[in-house]
C-alpha cells in the first residue's frame, strides 16, 4: 500500500511512539487524521504537521462509532493507542478491566470492522495494529495488557485471512523493549536482565514496512529477544523461571507503580 497521498487514521498519536509515527507519515506525504481525548495535546501536533483532528475517547463505544463515521474515506488505519494496563489483576476494579479491554482490543477491532468495508469496495487499503511482544509471551504483573495483546494478535492474523484477495492488507507490528519514548523512559525502570532495547525509529520503520509490503507480522526487537519470546510462547513454565532469575519482578514492580494512575 502506498502511503504518499493516502488518508491515514492514527490512534495514539500524542504519546510515545505515536509522535514518531506522525512525523514519519507526514514526511512520506500522508493525509493525516489524528485522534485523542485531550485537545491540548492533539491540536499542537496537528498544527505542526497539518493534520486533521477528531476528539474521541477510545474507551467510549459511542465515541468510537462517531470516530469511524467522521473518518470515513480512511485508506490506512494504524491502531496504535493502548493503555499500559500493568499490575496484578487482583488490584483492578471491574471497570478498569473493561477499560483495558475496550481501548486495547475492542476499539481496534471495531474501527477495523467499520472502516474496512469502504476499503474493500475500493479494492485498496491497509489496517496496521501496533501490538507488543507481550502478545506472544506472558510476563508477571501484566495479565490485562498481555490478554489484550494476545487477543489483538489473534484478531489481526485471522482478519488478514478474511480479507485475502480484497486488496486490503492487515498487519501487526510487535515491539519489544523500546527506549527513549517507551515504557522505560516514562517509568524510570530498566530493562530486565540487561536486555537490549530498540529505538522508536525502528518501530516506526517496522510499521511503514508492514504497510508498504503487506507483511502479516513484524516483531521489532533484538534477535535474542525475538528468540527468547518464541521459546517462552512454547514453554511458559520454563519462561517463568528464567524471568525470576533475571530480576524481571523488580523491573515490573517499578513499572506498575509508575503506571497505576493510567488504568
Protein backbone atom coordinates (compact mmCIF):
# COMPACT_ATOMS: atom_id res chain seq x y z
CA UNK A 1 0.00 0.00 0.00
CA UNK A 2 1.42 3.38 -0.98
CA UNK A 3 1.47 5.85 1.92
CA UNK A 4 2.02 9.04 -0.09
CA UNK A 5 -1.36 10.65 -0.77
CA UNK A 6 -3.26 8.12 1.37
CA UNK A 7 -5.64 9.20 4.12
CA UNK A 8 -4.26 7.71 7.35
CA UNK A 9 -6.18 7.49 10.62
CA UNK A 10 -3.73 7.14 13.51
CA UNK A 11 -4.84 6.44 17.08
CA UNK A 12 -2.48 7.18 19.95
CA UNK A 13 -0.58 9.87 18.08
CA UNK A 14 0.05 12.09 21.11
CA UNK A 15 2.15 9.70 23.17
CA UNK A 16 5.34 7.72 22.89
CA UNK A 17 5.80 6.05 19.54
CA UNK A 18 2.73 7.87 18.22
CA UNK A 19 4.59 11.15 17.82
CA UNK A 20 7.36 9.46 15.86
CA UNK A 21 4.73 7.83 13.63
CA UNK A 22 3.10 11.19 12.96
CA UNK A 23 6.41 12.74 11.90
CA UNK A 24 7.28 9.88 9.54
CA UNK A 25 3.82 9.64 7.99
CA UNK A 26 3.86 13.39 7.35
CA UNK A 27 7.32 13.12 5.80
CA UNK A 28 6.01 10.42 3.46
CA UNK A 29 3.13 12.59 2.27
CA UNK A 30 0.19 11.02 4.11
CA UNK A 31 -3.05 12.94 4.64
CA UNK A 32 -3.24 12.53 8.42
CA UNK A 33 -6.21 12.20 10.75
CA UNK A 34 -5.20 12.18 14.43
CA UNK A 35 -7.47 11.22 17.29
CA UNK A 36 -7.20 11.54 21.05
CA UNK A 37 -9.06 12.57 24.20
CA UNK A 38 -7.11 15.70 25.06
CA UNK A 39 -7.47 18.69 22.76
CA UNK A 40 -4.48 20.44 24.35
CA UNK A 41 -2.19 17.55 23.39
CA UNK A 42 -3.72 16.85 19.99
CA UNK A 43 -4.01 20.26 18.40
CA UNK A 44 -0.37 21.41 18.63
CA UNK A 45 0.71 18.18 16.96
CA UNK A 46 -1.93 18.56 14.28
CA UNK A 47 -0.92 22.16 13.58
CA UNK A 48 2.72 21.19 13.28
CA UNK A 49 2.04 18.51 10.68
CA UNK A 50 -1.08 19.88 9.01
CA UNK A 51 -3.25 17.03 10.25
CA UNK A 52 -6.98 16.85 10.81
CA UNK A 53 -8.14 16.04 14.36
CA UNK A 54 -11.09 14.11 15.78
CA UNK A 55 -11.54 14.20 19.56
CA UNK A 56 -12.66 10.82 20.89
CA UNK A 57 -12.40 8.66 23.99
CA UNK A 58 -11.47 5.18 22.77
CA UNK A 59 -12.98 3.63 25.89
CA UNK A 60 -16.40 5.02 24.90
CA UNK A 61 -18.25 2.85 22.37
CA UNK A 62 -20.33 5.78 21.09
CA UNK A 63 -17.18 7.87 20.56
CA UNK A 64 -15.58 5.04 18.61
CA UNK A 65 -18.64 4.77 16.37
CA UNK A 66 -18.57 8.53 15.77
CA UNK A 67 -14.83 8.45 15.11
CA UNK A 68 -15.30 5.86 12.37
CA UNK A 69 -18.09 7.92 10.81
CA UNK A 70 -16.06 11.14 10.85
CA UNK A 71 -13.00 9.33 9.50
CA UNK A 72 -14.91 7.92 6.51
CA UNK A 73 -12.65 7.66 3.50
CA UNK A 74 -9.68 6.38 5.50
CA UNK A 75 -7.27 4.39 3.33
CA UNK A 76 -4.95 3.25 6.11
CA UNK A 77 -5.81 2.63 9.76
CA UNK A 78 -2.92 2.50 12.22
CA UNK A 79 -4.34 1.37 15.57
CA UNK A 80 -1.54 2.43 17.90
CA UNK A 81 -3.35 3.61 21.06
CA UNK A 82 -3.17 1.41 24.15
CA UNK A 83 -3.40 1.64 27.91
CA UNK A 84 -0.36 0.31 29.83
CA UNK A 85 -2.63 -1.98 31.89
CA UNK A 86 0.15 -3.28 34.11
CA UNK A 87 -0.29 -4.65 37.62
CA UNK A 88 -1.78 -7.60 39.43
CA UNK A 89 -5.28 -8.20 38.09
CA UNK A 90 -6.48 -8.62 41.69
CA UNK A 91 -5.82 -4.90 42.13
CA UNK A 92 -8.12 -3.99 39.22
CA UNK A 93 -11.74 -2.98 39.54
CA UNK A 94 -14.19 -4.46 37.03
CA UNK A 95 -14.44 -1.01 35.43
CA UNK A 96 -10.65 -0.89 34.95
CA UNK A 97 -10.74 -4.32 33.34
CA UNK A 98 -13.46 -3.14 30.98
CA UNK A 99 -11.46 -0.03 30.08
CA UNK A 100 -8.29 -2.01 29.32
CA UNK A 101 -10.18 -4.40 27.05
CA UNK A 102 -12.10 -1.56 25.38
CA UNK A 103 -9.09 0.59 24.50
CA UNK A 104 -6.56 -2.14 23.74
CA UNK A 105 -8.72 -4.71 21.95
CA UNK A 106 -12.34 -3.75 21.32
CA UNK A 107 -11.64 -0.37 19.75
CA UNK A 108 -9.00 -1.59 17.25
CA UNK A 109 -11.34 -4.42 16.23
CA UNK A 110 -14.38 -2.14 15.91
CA UNK A 111 -12.51 0.52 13.93
CA UNK A 112 -11.21 -2.18 11.60
CA UNK A 113 -14.73 -3.56 11.19
CA UNK A 114 -16.25 -0.14 10.47
CA UNK A 115 -13.55 1.19 8.14
CA UNK A 116 -12.72 -1.98 6.19
CA UNK A 117 -15.91 -2.21 4.04
CA UNK A 118 -15.16 1.02 2.19
CA UNK A 119 -11.58 -0.14 1.65
CA UNK A 120 -12.81 -3.46 0.29
CA UNK A 121 -15.27 -1.67 -2.00
CA UNK A 122 -12.41 0.42 -3.36
CA UNK A 123 -10.10 -2.56 -3.71
CA UNK A 124 -7.28 -0.98 -1.69
CA UNK A 125 -6.33 -0.16 1.86
CA UNK A 126 -4.39 -1.36 4.86
CA UNK A 127 -5.01 -1.91 8.57
CA UNK A 128 -1.98 -2.00 10.84
CA UNK A 129 -2.20 -2.85 14.52
CA UNK A 130 0.63 -1.87 16.85
CA UNK A 131 0.85 -4.68 19.36
CA UNK A 132 3.65 -5.91 21.59
CA UNK A 133 5.80 -8.96 22.16
CA UNK A 134 3.54 -9.31 25.20
CA UNK A 135 1.10 -10.67 22.62
CA UNK A 136 3.43 -13.63 22.10
CA UNK A 137 4.75 -14.40 25.59
CA UNK A 138 3.38 -13.68 29.07
CA UNK A 139 5.12 -11.83 31.89
CA UNK A 140 4.33 -11.22 35.55
CA UNK A 141 2.12 -8.26 36.54
CA UNK A 142 0.73 -7.80 33.05
CA UNK A 143 -2.35 -10.01 32.93
CA UNK A 144 -4.65 -7.42 31.36
CA UNK A 145 -2.08 -5.99 28.97
CA UNK A 146 -0.95 -9.45 27.88
CA UNK A 147 -4.52 -10.65 27.42
CA UNK A 148 -5.40 -7.72 25.17
CA UNK A 149 -2.21 -8.03 23.13
CA UNK A 150 -2.68 -11.81 22.69
CA UNK A 151 -6.19 -11.04 21.50
CA UNK A 152 -5.06 -8.29 19.17
CA UNK A 153 -2.51 -10.57 17.53
CA UNK A 154 -5.08 -13.30 17.02
CA UNK A 155 -7.61 -10.87 15.62
CA UNK A 156 -5.08 -9.35 13.23
CA UNK A 157 -3.81 -12.62 11.81
CA UNK A 158 -7.31 -14.04 11.36
CA UNK A 159 -8.80 -10.82 9.94
CA UNK A 160 -5.94 -10.75 7.44
CA UNK A 161 -7.10 -14.12 6.13
CA UNK A 162 -10.70 -12.91 5.99
CA UNK A 163 -9.65 -10.02 3.72
CA UNK A 164 -7.35 -12.02 1.48
CA UNK A 165 -7.96 -11.22 -2.17
CA UNK A 166 -9.84 -7.98 -1.49
CA UNK A 167 -6.87 -5.67 -2.00
CA UNK A 168 -6.91 -4.74 1.70
CA UNK A 169 -3.97 -5.84 3.82
CA UNK A 170 -3.75 -6.40 7.57
CA UNK A 171 -0.57 -6.37 9.65
CA UNK A 172 0.54 -6.39 13.26
CA UNK A 173 3.81 -4.83 14.42
CA UNK A 174 5.03 -6.01 17.82
CA UNK A 175 7.83 -4.08 19.55
CA UNK A 176 9.89 -5.45 22.40
CA UNK A 177 11.53 -3.07 24.85
CA UNK A 178 11.61 0.46 23.38
CA UNK A 179 13.96 3.13 24.71
CA UNK A 180 13.71 6.94 24.78
CA UNK A 181 9.95 7.24 24.18
CA UNK A 182 8.71 3.94 25.51
CA UNK A 183 7.75 2.41 28.83
CA UNK A 184 11.20 2.66 30.37
CA UNK A 185 11.58 6.37 29.57
CA UNK A 186 8.21 7.09 31.19
CA UNK A 187 8.61 4.94 34.31
CA UNK A 188 12.35 5.12 35.02
CA UNK A 189 12.62 1.31 35.02
CA UNK A 190 15.49 -0.60 33.42
CA UNK A 191 15.09 -3.47 31.01
CA UNK A 192 15.24 -6.78 32.93
CA UNK A 193 18.44 -8.78 32.85
CA UNK A 194 20.24 -6.16 30.79
CA UNK A 195 18.07 -6.92 27.77
CA UNK A 196 18.79 -4.76 24.74
CA UNK A 197 16.22 -2.22 23.62
CA UNK A 198 15.25 -0.79 20.23
CA UNK A 199 14.78 2.81 19.19
CA UNK A 200 11.36 4.30 18.40
CA UNK A 201 12.65 4.83 14.86
CA UNK A 202 13.00 1.08 14.39
CA UNK A 203 9.40 0.59 15.44
CA UNK A 204 8.27 3.28 13.00
CA UNK A 205 10.25 1.63 10.21
CA UNK A 206 8.56 -1.65 11.05
CA UNK A 207 5.11 -0.06 10.74
CA UNK A 208 5.99 1.56 7.40
CA UNK A 209 7.41 -1.69 6.06
CA UNK A 210 4.35 -3.68 7.19
CA UNK A 211 2.01 -1.28 5.39
CA UNK A 212 4.01 -0.85 2.20
CA UNK A 213 4.81 -4.55 1.77
CA UNK A 214 1.66 -6.03 3.34
CA UNK A 215 3.57 -8.17 5.84
CA UNK A 216 1.45 -10.18 8.25
CA UNK A 217 3.60 -9.80 11.37
CA UNK A 218 6.77 -7.89 12.21
CA UNK A 219 8.48 -8.23 15.57
CA UNK A 220 10.76 -5.29 16.35
CA UNK A 221 13.37 -6.43 18.86
CA UNK A 222 16.98 -7.62 19.06
CA UNK A 223 17.43 -11.09 17.67
CA UNK A 224 18.00 -12.67 21.08
CA UNK A 225 14.74 -11.24 22.45
CA UNK A 226 12.81 -12.50 19.41
CA UNK A 227 14.29 -15.96 20.02
CA UNK A 228 13.55 -15.94 23.76
CA UNK A 229 9.99 -14.74 23.14
CA UNK A 230 9.32 -17.64 20.80
CA UNK A 231 10.78 -20.07 23.32
CA UNK A 232 8.59 -18.51 26.04
CA UNK A 233 5.49 -18.92 23.89
CA UNK A 234 6.14 -22.66 23.60
CA UNK A 235 7.47 -23.29 27.11
CA UNK A 236 5.72 -20.87 29.51
CA UNK A 237 6.76 -22.75 32.67
CA UNK A 238 10.42 -22.53 31.70
CA UNK A 239 9.97 -18.86 30.86
CA UNK A 240 8.57 -18.12 34.33
CA UNK A 241 11.72 -19.48 35.95
CA UNK A 242 14.01 -17.54 33.62
CA UNK A 243 12.16 -14.29 34.26
CA UNK A 244 12.60 -14.73 38.01
CA UNK A 245 16.31 -15.45 37.60
CA UNK A 246 16.97 -12.27 35.59
CA UNK A 247 15.14 -9.99 38.01
CA UNK A 248 12.06 -9.27 35.91
CA UNK A 249 9.87 -8.97 39.02
CA UNK A 250 11.81 -5.95 40.32
CA UNK A 251 11.51 -4.24 36.95
CA UNK A 252 7.78 -4.85 36.80
CA UNK A 253 7.26 -3.53 40.33
CA UNK A 254 8.78 -0.20 39.26
CA UNK A 255 6.66 -0.08 36.11
CA UNK A 256 3.43 -0.98 37.89
CA UNK A 257 3.93 1.76 40.50
CA UNK A 258 4.56 4.38 37.80
CA UNK A 259 1.63 3.29 35.60
CA UNK A 260 -1.03 2.77 38.28
CA UNK A 261 -2.78 6.09 37.56
CA UNK A 262 -3.11 5.24 33.84
CA UNK A 263 -5.53 2.34 34.25
